[in-house]
Amino acid sequence: MSTKTSSPMLPPETMTRLTPKLAQVTEQVLFGDLWQRSELPARDRSLITVAALIALNRTEQLPFHLDLAVKNGVTHSELSEVITHLAFYAGWPAAASALTRFAALDPQ
């Protein structure tokens, strides 16, 4: 599963060159198996992943997953609500950092 985004994440070919095993398990296990399981729709997985990244303050990974969430049917309004909700559970700084990444997703 590859997605173009304005993320500061490394391109997949860089991951493959520098950490081939990590690239392999990312493609085969994470996106090839875990994200494909039928027990949760991709939309729900995206919401869960975005929430976890915000709560853990993993903002470098957020642009990719925010973009993927939109592609999986999560609306901008719902993403806004997730960020607002998590301000109280994960902390204001985590939500503010997520907002910075969310603002870069769509200039509207």
Protein backbone atom coordinates (compact mmCIF):
# COMPACT_ATOMS: atom_id res chain seq x y z
CA MET A 1 0.00 0.00 0.00
CA SER A 2 1.72 3.15 -1.07
CA THR A 3 0.42 6.64 -0.74
CA LYS A 4 1.86 9.96 -1.88
CA THR A 5 1.88 12.64 0.75
CA SER A 6 3.74 15.72 1.85
CA SER A 7 5.03 13.73 4.80
CA PRO A 8 8.57 14.13 6.04
CA MET A 9 8.72 10.33 6.15
CA LEU A 10 11.38 8.63 4.11
CA PRO A 11 10.38 7.33 0.70
CA PRO A 12 9.80 3.55 0.62
CA GLU A 13 12.91 3.01 -1.50
CA THR A 14 15.05 4.65 1.20
CA MET A 15 13.58 2.33 3.81
CA THR A 16 14.27 -0.63 1.52
CA ARG A 17 17.88 0.46 1.00
CA LEU A 18 18.67 1.30 4.63
CA THR A 19 16.55 -1.24 6.52
CA PRO A 20 15.46 -3.95 4.09
CA LYS A 21 13.90 -6.20 6.72
CA LEU A 22 11.87 -3.33 8.20
CA ALA A 23 10.67 -2.48 4.69
CA GLN A 24 9.74 -6.10 4.10
CA VAL A 25 7.72 -6.53 7.30
CA THR A 26 6.09 -3.13 6.82
CA GLU A 27 4.87 -4.11 3.37
CA GLN A 28 4.06 -7.77 4.05
CA VAL A 29 2.91 -7.83 7.68
CA LEU A 30 1.68 -4.32 8.51
CA PHE A 31 0.06 -3.33 5.21
CA GLY A 32 -0.20 -6.78 3.61
CA ASP A 33 -1.78 -8.56 6.57
CA LEU A 34 -2.79 -6.39 9.52
CA TRP A 35 -4.43 -3.61 7.49
CA GLN A 36 -6.22 -6.21 5.33
CA ARG A 37 -7.89 -8.15 8.13
CA SER A 38 -11.68 -8.22 7.84
CA GLU A 39 -12.41 -7.77 11.56
CA LEU A 40 -12.07 -3.97 11.26
CA PRO A 41 -12.69 -1.86 8.17
CA ALA A 42 -9.78 0.23 6.90
CA ARG A 43 -11.68 3.37 7.91
CA ASP A 44 -11.78 2.26 11.55
CA ARG A 45 -8.14 1.19 11.44
CA SER A 46 -7.27 4.66 10.17
CA LEU A 47 -9.16 6.36 13.00
CA ILE A 48 -7.46 4.12 15.56
CA THR A 49 -4.04 4.67 14.04
CA VAL A 50 -4.42 8.45 13.85
CA ALA A 51 -5.63 8.54 17.45
CA ALA A 52 -2.70 6.41 18.63
CA LEU A 53 -0.17 8.53 16.76
CA ILE A 54 -1.63 11.70 18.26
CA ALA A 55 -1.74 10.25 21.78
CA LEU A 56 1.86 9.03 21.50
CA ASN A 57 2.94 12.32 19.89
CA ARG A 58 4.33 10.52 16.83
CA THR A 59 3.77 13.50 14.55
CA GLU A 60 6.31 12.43 11.91
CA GLN A 61 4.04 9.54 10.97
CA LEU A 62 0.84 11.60 11.05
CA PRO A 63 0.87 13.13 7.54
CA PHE A 64 0.91 9.71 5.88
CA HIS A 65 -1.84 8.37 8.13
CA LEU A 66 -4.00 11.49 7.94
CA ASP A 67 -3.88 11.24 4.16
CA LEU A 68 -4.59 7.51 4.31
CA ALA A 69 -7.51 8.13 6.67
CA VAL A 70 -9.10 10.51 4.16
CA LYS A 71 -8.57 7.93 1.40
CA ASN A 72 -10.22 5.36 3.68
CA GLY A 73 -13.33 7.54 4.07
CA VAL A 74 -12.62 9.53 7.23
CA THR A 75 -13.80 13.11 6.77
CA HIS A 76 -11.83 16.23 7.65
CA SER A 77 -14.56 17.05 10.15
CA GLU A 78 -14.06 13.70 11.87
CA LEU A 79 -10.28 14.17 11.96
CA SER A 80 -10.82 17.59 13.50
CA GLU A 81 -13.03 16.03 16.16
CA VAL A 82 -10.44 13.32 16.91
CA ILE A 83 -7.78 16.00 17.47
CA THR A 84 -10.12 18.05 19.69
CA HIS A 85 -11.20 15.01 21.69
CA LEU A 86 -7.63 13.87 22.24
CA ALA A 87 -6.57 17.28 23.55
CA PHE A 88 -8.22 16.24 26.81
CA TYR A 89 -7.05 12.64 26.89
CA ALA A 90 -3.57 12.84 25.33
CA GLY A 91 -2.71 16.41 26.27
CA TRP A 92 -2.96 19.83 24.71
CA PRO A 93 0.57 19.80 23.21
CA ALA A 94 -0.08 16.49 21.43
CA ALA A 95 -3.30 17.86 19.93
CA ALA A 96 -1.65 21.14 18.95
CA SER A 97 1.16 19.25 17.21
CA ALA A 98 -1.39 17.08 15.41
CA LEU A 99 -3.24 20.21 14.33
CA THR A 100 -0.08 21.49 12.67
CA ARG A 101 0.16 18.30 10.61
CA PHE A 102 -3.58 18.29 9.92
CA ALA A 103 -3.45 21.90 8.64
CA ALA A 104 -0.79 20.86 6.13
CA LEU A 105 -3.07 18.11 4.78
CA ASP A 106 -5.52 20.50 3.16
CA PRO A 107 -5.08 24.26 2.97
CA GLN A 108 -8.86 24.86 3.17
